[in-house]
Amino acid sequence: TNTPIGRDGKLAKPRQLHNTHWGLVCPAETPEGQACGLVKNLSLMCYVSVGSPSEPLIEFMINRGMEVVEEYEPLRYPHATKIFVNGVWCGVHSDPKHLVSQVLDTRRKSYLQYEVSLVRDIRDREFKVFSDAGRVMRPVFTVQQEDDHESGIAKGALVLTKDLVNKLAKEQAEPPEDPSMKIGWEGLIRAGTIEYLDAEEEETAMICMTPEDLDLYRMQKAGYVVDDDNTDDPNRRLKTKTNPTTH
């Protein structure tokens, strides 16, 4: 990315990393000299969306109880959540939590394009869906939201299992003759273990840094008292104190 600012300027602000660049822009890969910070490079695992049609998304949500905006009566549903698709107000829904969980589950099962972004703003009662091109996204591991009795994955655990990791390692050592049998990166996305988030969806998602944070969360959920990490390692990550009323 090339910032359209003169190279001879002495301003430091345009050259600095912004908070929203986390995971999307490489903090080290930038030229020295006058162009330092003005010419930025995307991170290695970053992805730019290519776009997909929005009509199937609208049809999908209409079949799940969305009332189109032309038929919406504000007096009947004063607290309904507005639904926007690529910035266009398409309709409203009276049970947004159920709708968001359905659309999210559909995306994780790869029935929807993995580059579709789902942003629910609870305070403003808005649900925004984006399927346009040009959005910068980064991959994250998904966490199981409910107990899955079929796969045996408990709520709050990573969807990525050791069996899948062992299959990937075996595949790396002995590549299969049939390319369609290969799992690879696309297979991880189809399995729902990895999903792409853009900067706006990250604002409404709870993302932990390490799997150990998930273990701490489960222990606190069970009522255990977790001691703070008081090791003398100078390189350890600084964590905020956990609030038992919100975690």
Protein backbone atom coordinates (compact mmCIF):
# COMPACT_ATOMS: atom_id res chain seq x y z
CA THR A 1 0.00 0.00 0.00
CA ASN A 2 1.30 3.43 -0.95
CA THR A 3 0.16 6.46 1.06
CA PRO A 4 -0.36 9.46 -1.29
CA ILE A 5 1.72 11.92 0.74
CA GLY A 6 4.88 13.74 -0.34
CA ARG A 7 8.05 11.92 0.65
CA ASP A 8 9.80 15.10 1.78
CA GLY A 9 7.29 15.82 4.58
CA LYS A 10 8.44 15.72 8.18
CA LEU A 11 5.10 14.54 9.60
CA ALA A 12 5.45 11.43 11.76
CA LYS A 13 1.74 10.58 12.16
CA PRO A 14 1.14 9.14 8.65
CA ARG A 15 4.23 6.95 9.04
CA GLN A 16 3.16 5.33 12.30
CA LEU A 17 1.24 2.09 12.69
CA HIS A 18 -2.45 2.47 13.46
CA ASN A 19 -4.29 0.21 15.91
CA THR A 20 -6.47 -1.20 13.12
CA HIS A 21 -3.33 -2.41 11.28
CA TRP A 22 -2.91 -5.23 13.83
CA GLY A 23 -2.57 -8.52 11.94
CA LEU A 24 -3.17 -6.86 8.57
CA VAL A 25 -0.06 -4.73 7.90
CA CYS A 26 3.49 -5.94 8.53
CA PRO A 27 5.13 -3.63 11.12
CA ALA A 28 8.67 -4.41 9.90
CA GLU A 29 8.43 -4.64 6.11
CA THR A 30 8.80 -1.00 5.07
CA PRO A 31 11.61 0.76 3.18
CA GLU A 32 14.22 2.92 4.86
CA GLY A 33 14.65 6.61 4.22
CA GLN A 34 11.97 9.06 3.07
CA ALA A 35 9.40 6.38 2.22
CA CYS A 36 9.62 4.78 5.68
CA GLY A 37 6.10 4.12 6.97
CA LEU A 38 4.44 5.56 3.85
CA VAL A 39 4.94 2.39 1.81
CA LYS A 40 3.43 -0.50 3.79
CA ASN A 41 3.20 -4.21 3.00
CA LEU A 42 0.41 -6.61 3.88
CA SER A 43 1.09 -9.38 6.36
CA LEU A 44 2.01 -12.83 5.06
CA MET A 45 -1.35 -14.48 5.83
CA CYS A 46 -3.42 -11.42 4.94
CA TYR A 47 -6.17 -11.76 2.35
CA VAL A 48 -8.02 -9.19 0.22
CA SER A 49 -11.63 -10.10 -0.54
CA VAL A 50 -12.59 -10.51 -4.21
CA GLY A 51 -16.32 -10.00 -3.63
CA SER A 52 -19.40 -12.17 -4.12
CA PRO A 53 -23.07 -11.48 -5.07
CA SER A 54 -25.27 -10.15 -2.28
CA GLU A 55 -28.62 -11.47 -3.63
CA PRO A 56 -28.22 -15.02 -2.21
CA LEU A 57 -27.43 -13.50 1.20
CA ILE A 58 -30.61 -11.41 1.17
CA GLU A 59 -32.67 -14.40 0.01
CA PHE A 60 -31.13 -16.56 2.75
CA MET A 61 -32.07 -14.05 5.48
CA ILE A 62 -35.59 -13.52 4.10
CA ASN A 63 -36.16 -17.27 4.40
CA ARG A 64 -35.09 -17.00 8.05
CA GLY A 65 -37.54 -14.35 9.12
CA MET A 66 -36.10 -11.08 7.81
CA GLU A 67 -38.80 -8.55 6.94
CA VAL A 68 -37.85 -6.48 3.89
CA VAL A 69 -37.63 -2.74 4.44
CA GLU A 70 -40.53 -1.98 2.05
CA GLU A 71 -42.92 -3.94 4.29
CA TYR A 72 -41.49 -2.75 7.61
CA GLU A 73 -43.88 -0.98 10.00
CA PRO A 74 -41.90 0.89 12.71
CA LEU A 75 -44.89 1.04 15.08
CA ARG A 76 -45.27 -2.76 15.08
CA TYR A 77 -41.57 -3.52 15.70
CA PRO A 78 -40.03 -0.42 17.31
CA HIS A 79 -37.04 -2.37 18.69
CA ALA A 80 -36.29 -4.49 15.62
CA THR A 81 -32.69 -4.75 14.44
CA LYS A 82 -31.88 -3.19 11.08
CA ILE A 83 -30.03 -5.39 8.58
CA PHE A 84 -27.59 -3.81 6.13
CA VAL A 85 -26.02 -5.70 3.21
CA ASN A 86 -23.00 -3.88 1.74
CA GLY A 87 -24.21 -0.62 3.27
CA VAL A 88 -27.79 -0.87 1.93
CA TRP A 89 -30.66 -1.19 4.40
CA CYS A 90 -32.43 -4.38 3.27
CA GLY A 91 -34.76 -5.25 6.14
CA VAL A 92 -35.31 -5.82 9.85
CA HIS A 93 -35.43 -8.82 12.17
CA SER A 94 -37.08 -9.17 15.58
CA ASP A 95 -34.72 -11.92 16.83
CA PRO A 96 -31.23 -10.80 15.74
CA LYS A 97 -29.33 -13.16 18.05
CA HIS A 98 -30.88 -16.21 16.41
CA LEU A 99 -30.34 -14.81 12.89
CA VAL A 100 -26.67 -13.93 13.53
CA SER A 101 -25.95 -17.39 14.97
CA GLN A 102 -27.62 -19.03 11.95
CA VAL A 103 -25.69 -16.96 9.40
CA LEU A 104 -22.42 -17.45 11.31
CA ASP A 105 -22.99 -21.21 11.52
CA THR A 106 -23.74 -21.31 7.79
CA ARG A 107 -20.49 -19.47 7.02
CA ARG A 108 -18.45 -21.81 9.23
CA LYS A 109 -19.96 -24.82 7.43
CA SER A 110 -18.83 -23.26 4.11
CA TYR A 111 -22.35 -22.90 2.70
CA LEU A 112 -21.59 -19.17 2.55
CA GLN A 113 -18.43 -17.61 1.13
CA TYR A 114 -15.75 -17.50 3.83
CA GLU A 115 -14.96 -13.88 2.97
CA VAL A 116 -18.43 -12.64 4.00
CA SER A 117 -18.18 -10.41 7.09
CA LEU A 118 -20.86 -10.36 9.79
CA VAL A 119 -20.92 -7.37 12.15
CA ARG A 120 -23.61 -7.08 14.83
CA ASP A 121 -23.81 -3.77 16.69
CA ILE A 122 -25.99 -4.52 19.71
CA ARG A 123 -26.04 -0.94 21.00
CA ASP A 124 -27.25 0.60 17.72
CA ARG A 125 -29.44 -2.45 16.93
CA GLU A 126 -27.77 -3.05 13.57
CA PHE A 127 -26.55 -6.17 11.78
CA LYS A 128 -24.18 -5.41 8.91
CA VAL A 129 -23.21 -7.99 6.28
CA PHE A 130 -20.40 -7.28 3.81
CA SER A 131 -19.61 -9.31 0.70
CA ASP A 132 -17.94 -6.59 -1.40
CA ALA A 133 -14.40 -6.60 -2.78
CA GLY A 134 -11.31 -4.89 -1.38
CA ARG A 135 -11.68 -5.69 2.33
CA VAL A 136 -8.44 -6.69 4.05
CA MET A 137 -8.91 -9.79 6.22
CA ARG A 138 -6.80 -12.02 8.45
CA PRO A 139 -7.30 -15.65 9.56
CA VAL A 140 -8.08 -16.68 13.14
CA PHE A 141 -8.82 -20.04 14.76
CA THR A 142 -12.49 -20.53 15.61
CA VAL A 143 -13.75 -21.48 19.07
CA GLN A 144 -16.71 -23.80 19.60
CA GLN A 145 -19.75 -21.78 20.72
CA GLU A 146 -21.92 -24.70 21.89
CA ASP A 147 -21.25 -28.31 22.92
CA ASP A 148 -21.03 -30.44 19.77
CA HIS A 149 -21.96 -34.04 20.59
CA GLU A 150 -21.18 -35.28 17.06
CA SER A 151 -17.54 -34.18 17.01
CA GLY A 152 -17.09 -34.26 20.79
CA ILE A 153 -15.78 -30.67 20.92
CA ALA A 154 -16.79 -28.90 24.12
CA LYS A 155 -17.95 -25.30 24.33
CA GLY A 156 -15.01 -22.90 24.62
CA ALA A 157 -12.49 -25.27 22.98
CA LEU A 158 -10.71 -24.82 19.66
CA VAL A 159 -12.47 -26.39 16.68
CA LEU A 160 -9.02 -27.44 15.42
CA THR A 161 -8.45 -30.90 16.91
CA LYS A 162 -5.30 -32.99 17.32
CA ASP A 163 -6.65 -35.52 14.82
CA LEU A 164 -6.77 -32.83 12.14
CA VAL A 165 -3.26 -31.63 13.05
CA ASN A 166 -1.96 -35.22 12.81
CA LYS A 167 -3.61 -35.62 9.40
CA LEU A 168 -1.92 -32.42 8.21
CA ALA A 169 1.47 -33.61 9.48
CA LYS A 170 1.00 -36.98 7.77
CA GLU A 171 -0.06 -35.22 4.59
CA GLN A 172 3.08 -33.06 4.73
CA ALA A 173 5.32 -36.12 5.13
CA GLU A 174 3.52 -38.27 2.55
CA PRO A 175 1.56 -36.14 0.03
CA PRO A 176 -1.46 -38.04 -1.34
CA GLU A 177 -1.44 -39.01 -5.01
CA ASP A 178 -4.96 -37.66 -5.54
CA PRO A 179 -4.94 -33.84 -5.08
CA SER A 180 -8.63 -33.90 -4.12
CA MET A 181 -7.75 -35.94 -1.00
CA LYS A 182 -5.43 -33.21 0.25
CA ILE A 183 -6.67 -31.18 3.24
CA GLY A 184 -4.40 -28.14 3.06
CA TRP A 185 -5.40 -24.60 3.94
CA GLU A 186 -8.67 -24.73 1.99
CA GLY A 187 -9.63 -27.88 3.87
CA LEU A 188 -9.13 -26.13 7.21
CA ILE A 189 -11.44 -23.33 6.09
CA ARG A 190 -14.07 -25.82 4.86
CA ALA A 191 -13.88 -27.67 8.18
CA GLY A 192 -14.67 -24.42 10.02
CA THR A 193 -11.43 -24.44 12.03
CA ILE A 194 -10.26 -21.14 10.50
CA GLU A 195 -12.25 -18.09 9.50
CA TYR A 196 -11.28 -14.74 8.03
CA LEU A 197 -12.17 -11.52 9.86
CA ASP A 198 -11.85 -7.99 8.53
CA ALA A 199 -11.08 -4.95 10.67
CA GLU A 200 -14.75 -4.11 11.28
CA GLU A 201 -15.77 -7.62 12.32
CA GLU A 202 -12.77 -7.78 14.67
CA GLU A 203 -14.28 -4.86 16.61
CA THR A 204 -17.27 -7.01 17.59
CA ALA A 205 -15.42 -10.32 18.10
CA MET A 206 -13.73 -11.57 21.27
CA ILE A 207 -10.26 -12.77 20.26
CA CYS A 208 -7.79 -14.26 22.72
CA MET A 209 -4.07 -14.31 22.03
CA THR A 210 -3.12 -17.87 23.03
CA PRO A 211 -4.85 -21.22 23.71
CA GLU A 212 -3.79 -20.81 27.36
CA ASP A 213 -6.21 -17.88 27.60
CA LEU A 214 -9.01 -20.28 26.67
CA ASP A 215 -7.94 -22.62 29.47
CA LEU A 216 -8.01 -19.72 31.95
CA TYR A 217 -11.47 -18.77 30.69
CA ARG A 218 -12.80 -22.30 31.22
CA MET A 219 -11.30 -22.46 34.71
CA GLN A 220 -12.86 -19.13 35.68
CA LYS A 221 -16.15 -20.26 34.19
CA ALA A 222 -16.02 -23.31 36.47
CA GLY A 223 -15.42 -21.08 39.51
CA TYR A 224 -11.71 -21.69 40.10
CA VAL A 225 -9.52 -18.87 41.40
CA VAL A 226 -6.77 -18.26 38.85
CA ASP A 227 -3.54 -16.71 40.12
CA ASP A 228 -1.95 -13.92 38.12
CA ASP A 229 1.25 -14.73 36.23
CA ASN A 230 3.98 -13.24 38.41
CA THR A 231 7.00 -14.74 36.65
CA ASP A 232 10.13 -12.66 36.16
CA ASP A 233 10.25 -13.18 32.40
CA PRO A 234 10.79 -9.70 30.89
CA ASN A 235 9.36 -10.85 27.52
CA ARG A 236 6.01 -12.05 28.86
CA ARG A 237 2.83 -10.50 27.52
CA LEU A 238 1.20 -7.88 29.73
CA LYS A 239 -2.35 -8.98 30.51
CA THR A 240 -5.14 -6.91 31.93
CA LYS A 241 -6.70 -8.20 35.13
CA THR A 242 -9.66 -10.43 34.41
CA ASN A 243 -13.06 -9.26 35.53
CA PRO A 244 -15.06 -12.26 36.84
CA THR A 245 -18.34 -10.51 36.04
CA THR A 246 -17.58 -10.31 32.30
CA HIS A 247 -15.45 -13.41 31.62
